[in-house]
Protein backbone atom coordinates (compact mmCIF):
# COMPACT_ATOMS: atom_id res chain seq x y z
CA UNK A 1 -23.85 46.71 37.58
CA UNK A 2 -26.21 46.88 34.58
CA UNK A 3 -23.34 48.08 32.43
CA UNK A 4 -21.15 45.23 33.60
CA UNK A 5 -23.86 42.70 32.91
CA UNK A 6 -24.50 44.06 29.44
CA UNK A 7 -20.80 44.07 28.67
CA UNK A 8 -20.32 40.43 29.74
CA UNK A 9 -23.37 39.45 27.72
CA UNK A 10 -21.95 41.20 24.67
CA UNK A 11 -18.60 39.44 25.16
CA UNK A 12 -20.26 36.05 25.34
CA UNK A 13 -22.27 36.68 22.21
CA UNK A 14 -19.19 37.87 20.32
CA UNK A 15 -17.33 34.67 21.23
CA UNK A 16 -19.92 32.40 19.69
CA UNK A 17 -19.17 33.20 16.06
CA UNK A 18 -15.46 32.84 16.80
CA UNK A 19 -15.83 29.33 18.20
CA UNK A 20 -18.16 28.36 15.38
CA UNK A 21 -15.72 29.74 12.84
CA UNK A 22 -12.87 27.76 14.39
CA UNK A 23 -14.92 24.58 14.21
CA UNK A 24 -15.73 25.18 10.57
CA UNK A 25 -12.10 25.94 9.77
CA UNK A 26 -10.96 22.76 11.52
CA UNK A 27 -13.56 20.68 9.66
CA UNK A 28 -12.51 22.28 6.37
CA UNK A 29 -8.86 21.56 7.11
CA UNK A 30 -9.57 17.87 7.82
CA UNK A 31 -11.69 17.65 4.66
CA UNK A 32 -8.92 19.18 2.56
CA UNK A 33 -6.48 16.78 4.20
CA UNK A 34 -8.49 13.76 3.13
CA UNK A 35 -9.39 14.88 -0.36
CA UNK A 36 -6.53 17.10 -1.48
CA UNK A 37 -5.39 16.66 -5.08
CA UNK A 38 -1.80 16.41 -6.23
CA UNK A 39 -2.40 18.20 -9.51
CA UNK A 40 -1.36 16.81 -12.86
CA UNK A 41 0.66 13.62 -12.63
CA UNK A 42 3.63 14.11 -14.91
CA UNK A 43 5.41 10.93 -15.96
CA UNK A 44 8.71 10.45 -17.68
CA UNK A 45 9.38 8.38 -20.75
CA UNK A 46 7.98 4.85 -20.48
CA UNK A 47 10.52 2.03 -20.62
CA UNK A 48 10.98 -1.58 -19.58
CA UNK A 49 10.02 -2.16 -15.92
CA UNK A 50 12.23 -3.70 -13.25
CA UNK A 51 11.74 -7.46 -13.74
CA UNK A 52 14.16 -8.23 -10.91
CA UNK A 53 11.33 -7.17 -8.59
CA UNK A 54 9.19 -9.93 -10.06
CA UNK A 55 11.95 -12.51 -9.63
CA UNK A 56 12.47 -11.59 -5.96
CA UNK A 57 8.72 -11.58 -5.23
CA UNK A 58 8.22 -14.97 -6.88
CA UNK A 59 11.22 -16.44 -5.04
CA UNK A 60 9.93 -15.36 -1.63
CA UNK A 61 6.35 -16.42 -2.41
CA UNK A 62 7.43 -19.89 -3.53
CA UNK A 63 9.52 -20.28 -0.37
CA UNK A 64 6.31 -19.73 1.57
CA UNK A 65 4.48 -22.24 -0.61
CA UNK A 66 7.17 -24.86 -0.03
CA UNK A 67 7.08 -24.15 3.70
CA UNK A 68 3.31 -24.79 3.78
CA UNK A 69 3.79 -28.06 1.96
CA UNK A 70 6.56 -29.24 4.28
CA UNK A 71 4.97 -28.43 7.66
CA UNK A 72 1.24 -28.92 7.01
CA UNK A 73 1.37 -32.67 7.79
CA UNK A 74 3.05 -31.89 11.09
CA UNK A 75 0.34 -29.41 12.01
CA UNK A 76 -2.34 -32.01 11.40
CA UNK A 77 -0.35 -34.73 13.20
CA UNK A 78 0.28 -36.66 10.04
CA UNK A 79 -3.07 -36.19 8.31
CA UNK A 80 -2.50 -36.42 4.57
CA UNK A 81 -5.61 -34.32 3.87
CA UNK A 82 -4.15 -31.35 5.74
CA UNK A 83 -1.07 -31.34 3.53
CA UNK A 84 -3.18 -31.00 0.40
CA UNK A 85 -5.47 -28.44 2.06
CA UNK A 86 -2.70 -26.11 3.21
CA UNK A 87 -0.80 -26.52 -0.03
CA UNK A 88 -3.80 -25.74 -2.22
CA UNK A 89 -5.06 -22.86 -0.07
CA UNK A 90 -1.65 -21.18 -0.07
CA UNK A 91 -1.39 -21.89 -3.79
CA UNK A 92 -4.74 -20.19 -4.38
CA UNK A 93 -3.67 -17.22 -2.27
CA UNK A 94 -0.46 -16.97 -4.27
CA UNK A 95 -2.34 -17.18 -7.59
CA UNK A 96 -4.78 -14.44 -6.52
CA UNK A 97 -1.86 -12.35 -5.28
CA UNK A 98 0.02 -12.68 -8.58
CA UNK A 99 -3.09 -11.79 -10.57
CA UNK A 100 -3.54 -8.76 -8.31
CA UNK A 101 0.10 -7.79 -8.82
CA UNK A 102 -0.11 -7.82 -12.61
CA UNK A 103 -3.56 -6.19 -12.77
CA UNK A 104 -2.49 -3.37 -10.43
CA UNK A 105 0.76 -2.91 -12.35
CA UNK A 106 -1.29 -2.19 -15.51
CA UNK A 107 -3.59 0.39 -13.88
CA UNK A 108 -2.64 3.98 -14.84
CA UNK A 109 -0.82 5.68 -11.97
CA UNK A 110 -3.16 8.65 -12.17
CA UNK A 111 -5.95 6.33 -10.90
CA UNK A 112 -4.27 6.08 -7.49
CA UNK A 113 -3.83 9.85 -7.33
CA UNK A 114 -7.53 10.40 -8.00
CA UNK A 115 -8.95 7.65 -5.81
CA UNK A 116 -6.29 7.12 -3.14
CA UNK A 117 -8.10 9.11 -0.44
CA UNK A 118 -11.38 7.31 -1.12
CA UNK A 119 -9.62 3.94 -0.92
CA UNK A 120 -8.14 4.95 2.43
CA UNK A 121 -11.51 6.18 3.72
CA UNK A 122 -13.23 2.93 2.69
CA UNK A 123 -10.55 0.87 4.44
CA UNK A 124 -10.84 3.01 7.58
CA UNK A 125 -14.64 2.60 7.67
CA UNK A 126 -14.31 -1.19 7.31
CA UNK A 127 -11.81 -1.26 10.18
CA UNK A 128 -13.96 1.00 12.37
CA UNK A 129 -17.11 -1.05 11.78
CA UNK A 130 -15.44 -4.37 12.61
CA UNK A 131 -15.26 -4.13 16.45
CA UNK A 132 -18.71 -2.49 16.56
CA UNK A 133 -20.21 -5.40 14.64
CA UNK A 134 -18.28 -7.73 16.92
CA UNK A 135 -19.97 -6.24 20.00
CA UNK A 136 -23.30 -6.87 18.27
CA UNK A 137 -22.30 -10.53 17.71
CA UNK A 138 -22.77 -10.15 13.97
CA UNK A 139 -22.15 -13.49 12.17
CA UNK A 140 -19.99 -11.77 9.55
CA UNK A 141 -17.29 -10.93 12.13
CA UNK A 142 -14.60 -13.27 13.48
CA UNK A 143 -13.35 -12.50 17.01
CA UNK A 144 -10.59 -14.35 18.87
CA UNK A 145 -9.31 -13.66 22.40
CA UNK A 146 -11.46 -10.53 22.62
CA UNK A 147 -10.10 -8.99 19.41
CA UNK A 148 -12.27 -8.59 16.29
CA UNK A 149 -10.00 -8.28 13.27
CA UNK A 150 -11.57 -10.33 10.46
CA UNK A 151 -14.69 -10.41 8.32
CA UNK A 152 -16.05 -13.86 7.50
CA UNK A 153 -16.69 -14.00 3.76
CA UNK A 154 -17.58 -17.68 3.80
CA UNK A 155 -14.90 -18.91 1.43
CA UNK A 156 -12.17 -16.93 3.24
CA UNK A 157 -11.59 -14.41 6.03
CA UNK A 158 -10.78 -10.78 5.24
CA UNK A 159 -8.61 -8.57 7.46
CA UNK A 160 -9.33 -4.90 6.63
CA UNK A 161 -6.21 -3.73 8.51
CA UNK A 162 -4.13 -4.96 5.54
CA UNK A 163 -6.36 -2.92 3.24
CA UNK A 164 -5.80 0.10 5.51
CA UNK A 165 -2.01 -0.14 5.08
CA UNK A 166 -2.42 0.05 1.33
CA UNK A 167 -4.83 2.97 1.65
CA UNK A 168 -2.52 4.77 4.10
CA UNK A 169 0.34 4.65 1.58
CA UNK A 170 -1.84 6.26 -1.10
CA UNK A 171 -3.46 8.87 1.15
CA UNK A 172 -0.29 10.14 2.86
CA UNK A 173 1.55 10.25 -0.48
CA UNK A 174 -1.10 12.50 -2.00
CA UNK A 175 -1.40 14.75 1.04
CA UNK A 176 2.34 15.32 1.49
CA UNK A 177 2.85 15.88 -2.23
CA UNK A 178 0.22 18.65 -2.19
CA UNK A 179 1.60 20.34 0.91
CA UNK A 180 5.16 20.19 -0.47
CA UNK A 181 4.01 21.84 -3.69
CA UNK A 182 2.33 24.56 -1.60
CA UNK A 183 5.53 25.08 0.43
CA UNK A 184 3.59 24.07 3.57
CA UNK A 185 5.24 20.76 4.38
CA UNK A 186 6.93 22.02 7.56
CA UNK A 187 3.96 24.04 8.81
CA UNK A 188 2.24 22.91 12.01
CA UNK A 189 -1.15 23.05 10.29
CA UNK A 190 0.06 20.33 7.90
CA UNK A 191 1.35 18.16 10.73
CA UNK A 192 -1.74 18.69 12.89
CA UNK A 193 -4.10 17.83 10.03
CA UNK A 194 -2.17 14.72 9.08
CA UNK A 195 -1.74 13.79 12.75
CA UNK A 196 -5.50 13.92 13.37
CA UNK A 197 -6.19 11.43 10.59
CA UNK A 198 -3.29 9.12 11.49
CA UNK A 199 -4.10 9.18 15.23
CA UNK A 200 -7.71 8.23 14.55
CA UNK A 201 -6.51 5.36 12.35
CA UNK A 202 -4.17 4.18 15.12
CA UNK A 203 -7.01 4.46 17.66
CA UNK A 204 -9.16 2.17 15.52
CA UNK A 205 -6.36 -0.38 15.02
CA UNK A 206 -4.49 -0.32 18.34
CA UNK A 207 -7.32 0.42 20.79
CA UNK A 208 -10.46 -0.90 19.12
CA UNK A 209 -8.92 -3.89 17.32
CA UNK A 210 -6.09 -4.41 19.87
CA UNK A 211 -3.51 -4.85 17.11
CA UNK A 212 -0.28 -3.06 18.09
CA UNK A 213 1.78 -4.76 15.37
CA UNK A 214 -0.36 -3.25 12.61
CA UNK A 215 -0.26 0.08 14.43
CA UNK A 216 3.55 0.04 14.35
CA UNK A 217 3.47 -0.79 10.63
CA UNK A 218 1.13 2.15 9.93
CA UNK A 219 3.36 4.48 11.95
CA UNK A 220 6.43 3.25 10.03
CA UNK A 221 4.72 3.99 6.71
CA UNK A 222 3.96 7.58 7.70
CA UNK A 223 7.36 8.26 9.29
CA UNK A 224 9.31 7.02 6.26
CA UNK A 225 7.14 9.12 3.97
CA UNK A 226 7.73 12.21 6.12
CA UNK A 227 11.48 11.64 5.91
CA UNK A 228 11.40 11.23 2.12
CA UNK A 229 9.15 14.29 1.77
CA UNK A 230 11.83 16.40 3.47
CA UNK A 231 10.31 17.22 6.86
CA UNK A 232 12.71 19.17 9.09
CA UNK A 233 14.69 17.09 11.56
CA UNK A 234 13.40 19.09 14.52
CA UNK A 235 9.76 18.39 13.71
CA UNK A 236 10.58 14.80 12.81
CA UNK A 237 12.21 14.30 16.22
CA UNK A 238 9.13 15.77 17.90
CA UNK A 239 6.84 13.43 16.01
CA UNK A 240 9.06 10.45 16.79
CA UNK A 241 9.09 11.30 20.50
CA UNK A 242 5.29 11.61 20.47
CA UNK A 243 5.00 8.26 18.68
CA UNK A 244 7.22 6.57 21.26
CA UNK A 245 5.17 8.12 24.08
CA UNK A 246 1.91 6.89 22.56
CA UNK A 247 3.44 3.44 22.10
CA UNK A 248 4.42 3.29 25.76
CA UNK A 249 0.91 4.37 26.81
CA UNK A 250 -0.70 1.71 24.61
CA UNK A 251 1.52 -0.94 26.22
CA UNK A 252 0.76 0.24 29.76
CA UNK A 253 -2.97 0.24 29.02
CA UNK A 254 -3.04 -3.44 27.95
CA UNK A 255 -2.06 -6.24 30.40
CA UNK A 256 -1.20 -8.71 27.61
CA UNK A 257 1.27 -6.22 26.11
CA UNK A 258 2.87 -5.68 29.51
CA UNK A 259 3.32 -9.45 29.78
CA UNK A 260 5.08 -9.53 26.41
CA UNK A 261 7.42 -6.72 27.42
CA UNK A 262 8.13 -8.50 30.72
CA UNK A 263 8.90 -11.68 28.78
CA UNK A 264 11.22 -9.76 26.47
CA UNK A 265 13.06 -8.27 29.45
CA UNK A 266 13.41 -11.66 31.12
CA UNK A 267 10.75 -11.22 33.80
CA UNK A 268 8.05 -13.47 32.37
CA UNK A 269 6.54 -16.68 33.66
CA UNK A 270 6.81 -20.18 32.21
CA UNK A 271 3.47 -19.62 30.50
CA UNK A 272 4.29 -16.23 28.99
CA UNK A 273 7.80 -17.36 27.97
CA UNK A 274 6.47 -20.44 26.17
CA UNK A 275 6.10 -18.96 22.67
CA UNK A 276 9.51 -17.31 22.46
CA UNK A 277 11.21 -20.31 24.08
CA UNK A 278 9.78 -22.64 21.44
CA UNK A 279 10.79 -20.23 18.69
CA UNK A 280 14.38 -20.14 19.98
CA UNK A 281 14.41 -23.95 20.21
CA UNK A 282 13.27 -24.15 16.58
CA UNK A 283 15.97 -21.75 15.41
CA UNK A 284 18.68 -23.41 17.50
CA UNK A 285 17.84 -26.96 16.43
CA UNK A 286 18.11 -26.00 12.76
CA UNK A 287 21.87 -25.47 12.96
CA UNK A 288 23.66 -24.41 9.81
CA UNK A 289 21.74 -26.44 7.21
CA UNK A 290 18.49 -27.31 9.00
CA UNK A 291 16.66 -30.55 9.62
CA UNK A 292 15.34 -30.65 6.08
CA UNK A 293 11.93 -30.06 4.53
CA UNK A 294 9.20 -32.10 6.16
CA UNK A 295 11.35 -32.81 9.23
CA UNK A 296 10.06 -30.09 11.54
CA UNK A 297 9.42 -31.05 15.17
CA UNK A 298 8.23 -27.69 16.51
CA UNK A 299 5.37 -27.65 14.00
CA UNK A 300 3.82 -30.68 15.79
CA UNK A 301 1.85 -28.36 18.07
CA UNK A 302 4.85 -27.08 20.01
CA UNK A 303 5.26 -23.67 18.37
CA UNK A 304 2.07 -21.52 18.22
CA UNK A 305 1.07 -19.92 14.90
CA UNK A 306 3.57 -22.05 13.00
CA UNK A 307 2.25 -21.14 9.55
CA UNK A 308 1.59 -17.46 10.29
CA UNK A 309 3.57 -15.29 12.71
CA UNK A 310 6.11 -18.02 13.59
CA UNK A 311 6.94 -19.14 10.05
CA UNK A 312 10.45 -17.63 10.28
CA UNK A 313 11.34 -19.89 13.22
CA UNK A 314 10.00 -22.95 11.37
CA UNK A 315 12.04 -22.03 8.30
CA UNK A 316 15.09 -21.75 10.56
CA UNK A 317 14.43 -25.26 11.87
CA UNK A 318 13.98 -26.80 8.41
CA UNK A 319 16.43 -24.73 6.32
CA UNK A 320 18.97 -23.71 8.95
CA UNK A 321 21.06 -20.57 9.26
CA UNK A 322 22.14 -20.65 5.61
CA UNK A 323 18.53 -20.87 4.41
CA UNK A 324 17.44 -18.00 6.66
CA UNK A 325 20.38 -15.91 5.51
CA UNK A 326 19.33 -16.42 1.89
CA UNK A 327 15.75 -15.36 2.71
CA UNK A 328 16.91 -12.26 4.57
CA UNK A 329 19.23 -11.31 1.71
CA UNK A 330 16.30 -11.65 -0.72
CA UNK A 331 14.19 -9.31 1.45
CA UNK A 332 17.08 -6.87 1.82
CA UNK A 333 17.67 -6.77 -1.94
CA UNK A 334 13.94 -6.31 -2.60
CA UNK A 335 13.85 -3.39 -0.17
CA UNK A 336 16.97 -1.90 -1.76
CA UNK A 337 15.42 -2.11 -5.24
CA UNK A 338 12.35 -0.24 -3.97
CA UNK A 339 14.11 2.56 -2.09
CA UNK A 340 16.73 3.07 -4.82
CA UNK A 341 13.94 3.95 -7.25
CA UNK A 342 13.18 7.05 -5.19
CA UNK A 343 16.45 8.52 -6.49
CA UNK A 344 15.31 7.99 -10.08
CA UNK A 345 11.67 9.10 -9.88
CA UNK A 346 10.87 12.70 -10.83
CA UNK A 347 7.33 13.01 -9.47
CA UNK A 348 7.06 13.73 -5.72
CA UNK A 349 3.81 11.77 -5.36
CA UNK A 350 5.32 8.63 -6.86
CA UNK A 351 8.46 8.97 -4.73
CA UNK A 352 6.27 9.00 -1.62
CA UNK A 353 4.40 5.88 -2.75
CA UNK A 354 7.73 4.09 -3.11
CA UNK A 355 8.71 5.25 0.37
CA UNK A 356 5.40 4.07 1.84
CA UNK A 357 5.63 0.59 0.35
CA UNK A 358 9.24 0.40 1.54
CA UNK A 359 8.21 1.31 5.10
CA UNK A 360 5.31 -1.17 5.00
CA UNK A 361 7.44 -4.09 3.85
CA UNK A 362 10.41 -3.19 6.08
CA UNK A 363 8.23 -2.87 9.21
CA UNK A 364 6.77 -6.35 8.67
CA UNK A 365 10.14 -7.98 8.07
CA UNK A 366 11.86 -6.26 11.00
CA UNK A 367 9.03 -6.91 13.47
CA UNK A 368 8.50 -10.55 12.46
CA UNK A 369 12.17 -11.50 12.35
CA UNK A 370 12.94 -9.46 15.47
CA UNK A 371 10.15 -11.13 17.44
CA UNK A 372 11.24 -14.65 16.45
CA UNK A 373 14.90 -13.94 17.30
CA UNK A 374 14.04 -12.25 20.61
CA UNK A 375 15.29 -8.84 19.47
CA UNK A 376 11.90 -7.15 19.99
CA UNK A 377 8.87 -8.16 22.09
CA UNK A 378 6.52 -10.69 20.52
CA UNK A 379 3.86 -9.18 18.30
CA UNK A 380 1.42 -10.74 15.89
CA UNK A 381 2.57 -9.71 12.42
CA UNK A 382 3.16 -11.78 9.30
CA UNK A 383 6.32 -12.27 7.27
CA UNK A 384 5.37 -10.74 3.89
CA UNK A 385 4.86 -13.11 0.95
CA UNK A 386 5.91 -16.09 3.09
CA UNK A 387 3.39 -16.46 5.93
CA UNK A 388 0.12 -18.29 5.35
CA UNK A 389 -2.81 -15.95 4.67
CA UNK A 390 -4.80 -14.41 1.85
CA UNK A 391 -5.45 -10.79 2.83
CA UNK A 392 -1.82 -10.04 3.63
CA UNK A 393 -0.69 -11.61 0.35
CA UNK A 394 -3.36 -9.77 -1.64
CA UNK A 395 -2.58 -6.23 -0.48
CA UNK A 396 1.17 -6.65 -0.27
CA UNK A 397 1.08 -7.79 -3.89
CA UNK A 398 -1.08 -4.76 -4.72
CA UNK A 399 1.46 -2.40 -3.15
CA UNK A 400 4.34 -4.07 -4.97
CA UNK A 401 2.30 -3.92 -8.18
CA UNK A 402 2.18 -0.12 -7.88
CA UNK A 403 5.96 -0.10 -7.34
CA UNK A 404 6.40 -2.23 -10.47
CA UNK A 405 4.25 0.23 -12.44
CA UNK A 406 6.33 3.18 -11.20
CA UNK A 407 9.51 1.38 -12.29
CA UNK A 408 8.39 1.92 -15.92
CA UNK A 409 8.88 5.69 -15.56
CA UNK A 410 12.17 6.05 -13.71
CA UNK A 411 14.99 8.17 -15.13
CA UNK A 412 18.44 6.96 -16.14
CA UNK A 413 20.15 9.49 -13.89
CA UNK A 414 19.46 10.50 -10.33
CA UNK A 415 16.91 13.25 -9.97
CA UNK A 416 18.47 16.53 -8.77
CA UNK A 417 16.93 19.41 -6.80
CA UNK A 418 14.10 17.38 -5.28
CA UNK A 419 13.22 20.15 -2.83
CA UNK A 420 12.77 22.70 -5.64
CA UNK A 421 10.77 20.24 -7.74
CA UNK A 422 8.40 19.75 -4.82
CA UNK A 423 8.05 23.51 -4.40
CA UNK A 424 9.59 23.70 -0.93
CA UNK A 425 12.52 26.11 -0.97
CA UNK A 426 13.44 25.25 2.61
CA UNK A 427 13.64 21.50 1.99
CA UNK A 428 16.99 19.84 2.10
CA UNK A 429 17.74 16.79 0.01
CA UNK A 430 15.12 14.16 0.90
CA UNK A 431 17.60 11.32 1.13
CA UNK A 432 18.94 11.26 4.70
């Protein structure tokens, strides 16, 4: 008996350093995940940037400005002051966004490599603090319907989730570029480390802030970047299945999300069906050419969030099918210009930034248009560059500004042997 007792005591004592060592190794792995460096950022020969990007961005932004001007009087039931207010506020947001675009486009690309992880960490802290401050009834926080998603800056509201999308693009690009160069992209340690950071971000956004739409956008950014990085299809399928499972759980855990799914499947009530019914009425009444600017009926209090999440339906009512088709073609061409640059960018880090911005923009367009056309369940997410709002405009312009800066260093021919250039001998061609 004494021998047995001594032996068990020795076993317990020998396990303690092992557990402590595992904890330290896990902490070190997470730390290296957040603050890994991509090495020297090698750029090609500088040339004229892609000015077509600027033309497309300006066209979409001015469509949003015109939309604000045309429907603001309807929102205020004919008040002439509201028209000027909405017009000027959106104009100010657009001006700040354009300044941000051109300032960011002049920042050296190495700046984002050096500070990308810190930008992401700052954005994550701001998002994490928001619901906590909301529970403390802090005056700096704006909460609606039990969700705290905005800081009150006095002159405007600030939504840190938009900042987090920008930070996520930079962080994941740097991390995947490092792991590819180390030939560790397809290792489970890479995926587990990245998954821990991404899952915590999704917990903050989806659970704490109750914002599933932003959560889907963040997931889209990471998934597109994993595809472009060259992750194996087997691991990618596993991650996608896990993401779908987590999405289902987040829907089942929230009654309001279950109502939206029921509405989408045709099992909603008159109250829950109201928003999508009004959106479909707006789209249907627009016909081929629309009612005309300033002639919206649904904006007179019938369609909720007319200037934000529902702007696509209002544009369908005023501009018609032809107008919506032109807007969708502009978005499609903008997305094509972004993703095509991946073929002509030599540096792996910059290719992943392009992929992240593409996933960010594409997720917003698909979710917003899909929700308004009853192709996906309703979710609160803006139509980029068009919907009313300052934070969304600011950070989307920042992301596109980085893309514009990268367009100065693309090659004239498609880049070959991407897998070898990234240092991963097992990678297949990134473009699927």
